[in-house]
Structure formats: structure tokens, C-alpha cells
């Protein structure tokens, strides 16, 4: 019948050495994208927008002007390549930031056009 494997060592790949286990560091010239917005830029945006929500209702053109739960919002989303620049950042209250992200009923009926 078949050959018995009792008492025999299985064929395994060699155990990796410590040198093989250490990851290679990235080159020093590579620029890493980070979600961190520099504090100096945050200060400029906060002063420019006077610490208030920058949302404006597209139908009645009324500003929110809330100072509660203010967040930094990207006009062009960071996840799609938007940068941390003064032109691309603004202040939104938490509700309007979520409202813009998740959309609204009027976006559905407008054929997906951006209304905010």
C-alpha cells in the first residue's frame, strides 16, 4: 500500500530569517497623502468662514451660520483626490456635512446633479 509518514519530517519551506521578515522602508522622496489638515490652514479657514457653517440652501439662498459642531468639509472630496487647500476647504456644521455626503431627496429627483 502507501508509504507511512510516521516518524518522517514533512516537507516545509525553510523558516524565514529575521532579515526576510523586516519590511522595506519607503523611499525618502515619496510624499505620503494624509487626512491631517495642517493647523495653520485650519486657522485660516476658520477665520475666513468666521467659525460658522458655510452651507447655503440652494433654493432659498439662506445661510446656515451655525457655530455648533463645526467641521472642515472638502468641496471636492478627499477620497476622490481633493486636496487640503483654502479653495477646497470650508466649514460646515455636522448636520450639513452629513447632508451633503449622504445626499437628499432633491438630488434623486434632479437626476443626480449636485445641488449643494
C-alpha atoms as a PDB file:
ATOM      1  CA  UNK A   1       0.000   0.000   0.000  1.00  0.00           C
ATOM      2  CA  UNK A   2       1.102   3.575   0.669  1.00  0.00           C
ATOM      3  CA  UNK A   3       4.252   4.610   2.407  1.00  0.00           C
ATOM      4  CA  UNK A   4       3.859   5.502   6.110  1.00  0.00           C
ATOM      5  CA  UNK A   5       4.597   9.100   7.147  1.00  0.00           C
ATOM      6  CA  UNK A   6       5.011   8.263  10.842  1.00  0.00           C
ATOM      7  CA  UNK A   7       8.387   9.382  12.131  1.00  0.00           C
ATOM      8  CA  UNK A   8       9.218  11.428   8.988  1.00  0.00           C
ATOM      9  CA  UNK A   9       9.562  15.200   8.830  1.00  0.00           C
ATOM     10  CA  UNK A  10       7.093  16.913   6.467  1.00  0.00           C
ATOM     11  CA  UNK A  11       8.493  18.899   3.534  1.00  0.00           C
ATOM     12  CA  UNK A  12       8.116  22.516   4.667  1.00  0.00           C
ATOM     13  CA  UNK A  13       9.651  25.664   3.222  1.00  0.00           C
ATOM     14  CA  UNK A  14      12.672  26.942   5.144  1.00  0.00           C
ATOM     15  CA  UNK A  15      11.904  29.107   8.171  1.00  0.00           C
ATOM     16  CA  UNK A  16      12.259  32.781   7.193  1.00  0.00           C
ATOM     17  CA  UNK A  17      15.160  34.667   8.677  1.00  0.00           C
ATOM     18  CA  UNK A  18      14.727  37.948  10.517  1.00  0.00           C
ATOM     19  CA  UNK A  19      16.200  39.817   7.560  1.00  0.00           C
ATOM     20  CA  UNK A  20      13.459  38.442   5.286  1.00  0.00           C
ATOM     21  CA  UNK A  21      10.694  39.420   7.744  1.00  0.00           C
ATOM     22  CA  UNK A  22      11.543  43.136   8.017  1.00  0.00           C
ATOM     23  CA  UNK A  23       9.587  45.311   5.564  1.00  0.00           C
ATOM     24  CA  UNK A  24      11.462  47.578   3.227  1.00  0.00           C
ATOM     25  CA  UNK A  25      11.062  51.253   4.232  1.00  0.00           C
ATOM     26  CA  UNK A  26       9.542  53.551   1.588  1.00  0.00           C
ATOM     27  CA  UNK A  27      11.893  55.852  -0.301  1.00  0.00           C
ATOM     28  CA  UNK A  28      12.508  59.160   1.473  1.00  0.00           C
ATOM     29  CA  UNK A  29      11.425  61.148  -1.588  1.00  0.00           C
ATOM     30  CA  UNK A  30       7.915  59.645  -1.604  1.00  0.00           C
ATOM     31  CA  UNK A  31       5.175  62.025  -0.434  1.00  0.00           C
ATOM     32  CA  UNK A  32       2.521  60.305   1.658  1.00  0.00           C
ATOM     33  CA  UNK A  33      -1.072  61.540   1.445  1.00  0.00           C
ATOM     34  CA  UNK A  34      -2.576  62.157   4.842  1.00  0.00           C
ATOM     35  CA  UNK A  35      -6.036  63.151   6.068  1.00  0.00           C
ATOM     36  CA  UNK A  36      -4.439  65.510   8.599  1.00  0.00           C
ATOM     37  CA  UNK A  37      -5.195  69.146   7.796  1.00  0.00           C
ATOM     38  CA  UNK A  38      -2.333  71.383   8.984  1.00  0.00           C
ATOM     39  CA  UNK A  39      -3.264  73.596  11.943  1.00  0.00           C
ATOM     40  CA  UNK A  40      -2.187  76.797  10.179  1.00  0.00           C
ATOM     41  CA  UNK A  41      -4.549  76.016   7.297  1.00  0.00           C
ATOM     42  CA  UNK A  42      -7.359  75.185   9.745  1.00  0.00           C
ATOM     43  CA  UNK A  43      -6.848  78.565  11.437  1.00  0.00           C
ATOM     44  CA  UNK A  44      -7.037  80.435   8.091  1.00  0.00           C
ATOM     45  CA  UNK A  45     -10.216  78.573   7.043  1.00  0.00           C
ATOM     46  CA  UNK A  46     -11.808  79.163  10.466  1.00  0.00           C
ATOM     47  CA  UNK A  47     -11.063  82.902  10.310  1.00  0.00           C
ATOM     48  CA  UNK A  48     -12.191  83.210   6.700  1.00  0.00           C
ATOM     49  CA  UNK A  49     -15.541  81.479   7.423  1.00  0.00           C
ATOM     50  CA  UNK A  50     -15.849  83.264  10.801  1.00  0.00           C
ATOM     51  CA  UNK A  51     -16.309  79.942  12.623  1.00  0.00           C
ATOM     52  CA  UNK A  52     -19.758  79.444  11.040  1.00  0.00           C
ATOM     53  CA  UNK A  53     -21.329  76.816   8.816  1.00  0.00           C
ATOM     54  CA  UNK A  54     -20.795  77.821   5.194  1.00  0.00           C
ATOM     55  CA  UNK A  55     -23.838  75.888   3.863  1.00  0.00           C
ATOM     56  CA  UNK A  56     -26.295  77.882   1.737  1.00  0.00           C
ATOM     57  CA  UNK A  57     -29.680  76.429   0.813  1.00  0.00           C
ATOM     58  CA  UNK A  58     -29.764  76.190  -2.997  1.00  0.00           C
ATOM     59  CA  UNK A  59     -33.477  77.035  -3.250  1.00  0.00           C
ATOM     60  CA  UNK A  60     -33.922  79.977  -0.893  1.00  0.00           C
ATOM     61  CA  UNK A  61     -30.242  81.042  -0.665  1.00  0.00           C
ATOM     62  CA  UNK A  62     -30.388  81.187   3.145  1.00  0.00           C
ATOM     63  CA  UNK A  63     -27.114  80.588   5.041  1.00  0.00           C
ATOM     64  CA  UNK A  64     -26.984  78.211   7.988  1.00  0.00           C
ATOM     65  CA  UNK A  65     -24.472  80.263  10.061  1.00  0.00           C
ATOM     66  CA  UNK A  66     -24.475  77.664  12.876  1.00  0.00           C
ATOM     67  CA  UNK A  67     -21.447  77.568  15.172  1.00  0.00           C
ATOM     68  CA  UNK A  68     -22.420  74.194  16.693  1.00  0.00           C
ATOM     69  CA  UNK A  69     -20.377  71.071  15.786  1.00  0.00           C
ATOM     70  CA  UNK A  70     -18.334  72.804  13.091  1.00  0.00           C
ATOM     71  CA  UNK A  71     -16.321  70.501  10.784  1.00  0.00           C
ATOM     72  CA  UNK A  72     -13.905  71.031   7.911  1.00  0.00           C
ATOM     73  CA  UNK A  73     -15.517  69.975   4.653  1.00  0.00           C
ATOM     74  CA  UNK A  74     -13.889  69.392   1.263  1.00  0.00           C
ATOM     75  CA  UNK A  75     -15.728  70.838  -1.749  1.00  0.00           C
ATOM     76  CA  UNK A  76     -14.040  68.193  -3.878  1.00  0.00           C
ATOM     77  CA  UNK A  77     -13.898  65.078  -1.649  1.00  0.00           C
ATOM     78  CA  UNK A  78     -10.541  63.982  -0.249  1.00  0.00           C
ATOM     79  CA  UNK A  79     -11.418  60.371  -1.089  1.00  0.00           C
ATOM     80  CA  UNK A  80     -11.621  61.324  -4.779  1.00  0.00           C
ATOM     81  CA  UNK A  81      -8.310  63.174  -4.789  1.00  0.00           C
ATOM     82  CA  UNK A  82      -9.347  66.516  -3.287  1.00  0.00           C
ATOM     83  CA  UNK A  83      -6.530  68.424  -1.640  1.00  0.00           C
ATOM     84  CA  UNK A  84      -6.213  70.307   1.636  1.00  0.00           C
ATOM     85  CA  UNK A  85      -6.228  73.818   0.163  1.00  0.00           C
ATOM     86  CA  UNK A  86      -8.013  77.053   1.056  1.00  0.00           C
ATOM     87  CA  UNK A  87     -10.011  76.821  -2.168  1.00  0.00           C
ATOM     88  CA  UNK A  88     -11.160  73.259  -1.449  1.00  0.00           C
ATOM     89  CA  UNK A  89     -11.952  73.557   2.284  1.00  0.00           C
ATOM     90  CA  UNK A  90     -14.825  75.242   4.085  1.00  0.00           C
ATOM     91  CA  UNK A  91     -16.647  74.965   7.392  1.00  0.00           C
ATOM     92  CA  UNK A  92     -19.928  73.059   7.648  1.00  0.00           C
ATOM     93  CA  UNK A  93     -21.925  72.112  10.714  1.00  0.00           C
ATOM     94  CA  UNK A  94     -22.128  68.377  11.310  1.00  0.00           C
ATOM     95  CA  UNK A  95     -25.716  68.156  10.004  1.00  0.00           C
ATOM     96  CA  UNK A  96     -24.958  69.863   6.695  1.00  0.00           C
ATOM     97  CA  UNK A  97     -21.697  67.957   6.249  1.00  0.00           C
ATOM     98  CA  UNK A  98     -23.627  64.665   6.590  1.00  0.00           C
ATOM     99  CA  UNK A  99     -26.479  66.048   4.483  1.00  0.00           C
ATOM    100  CA  UNK A 100     -24.086  66.824   1.640  1.00  0.00           C
ATOM    101  CA  UNK A 101     -22.331  63.455   1.915  1.00  0.00           C
ATOM    102  CA  UNK A 102     -25.443  61.293   2.039  1.00  0.00           C
ATOM    103  CA  UNK A 103     -27.446  63.387  -0.389  1.00  0.00           C
ATOM    104  CA  UNK A 104     -31.081  64.306  -0.219  1.00  0.00           C
ATOM    105  CA  UNK A 105     -34.395  63.656  -1.898  1.00  0.00           C
ATOM    106  CA  UNK A 106     -33.994  66.568  -4.302  1.00  0.00           C
ATOM    107  CA  UNK A 107     -30.712  65.028  -5.614  1.00  0.00           C
ATOM    108  CA  UNK A 108     -32.660  61.891  -6.505  1.00  0.00           C
ATOM    109  CA  UNK A 109     -35.281  63.861  -8.429  1.00  0.00           C
ATOM    110  CA  UNK A 110     -32.753  66.182 -10.097  1.00  0.00           C
ATOM    111  CA  UNK A 111     -31.074  63.284 -11.890  1.00  0.00           C
ATOM    112  CA  UNK A 112     -28.109  63.186  -9.514  1.00  0.00           C
ATOM    113  CA  UNK A 113     -26.982  66.776 -10.177  1.00  0.00           C
ATOM    114  CA  UNK A 114     -25.036  68.366  -7.329  1.00  0.00           C
ATOM    115  CA  UNK A 115     -27.268  70.936  -5.665  1.00  0.00           C
ATOM    116  CA  UNK A 116     -25.096  71.810  -2.717  1.00  0.00           C
END
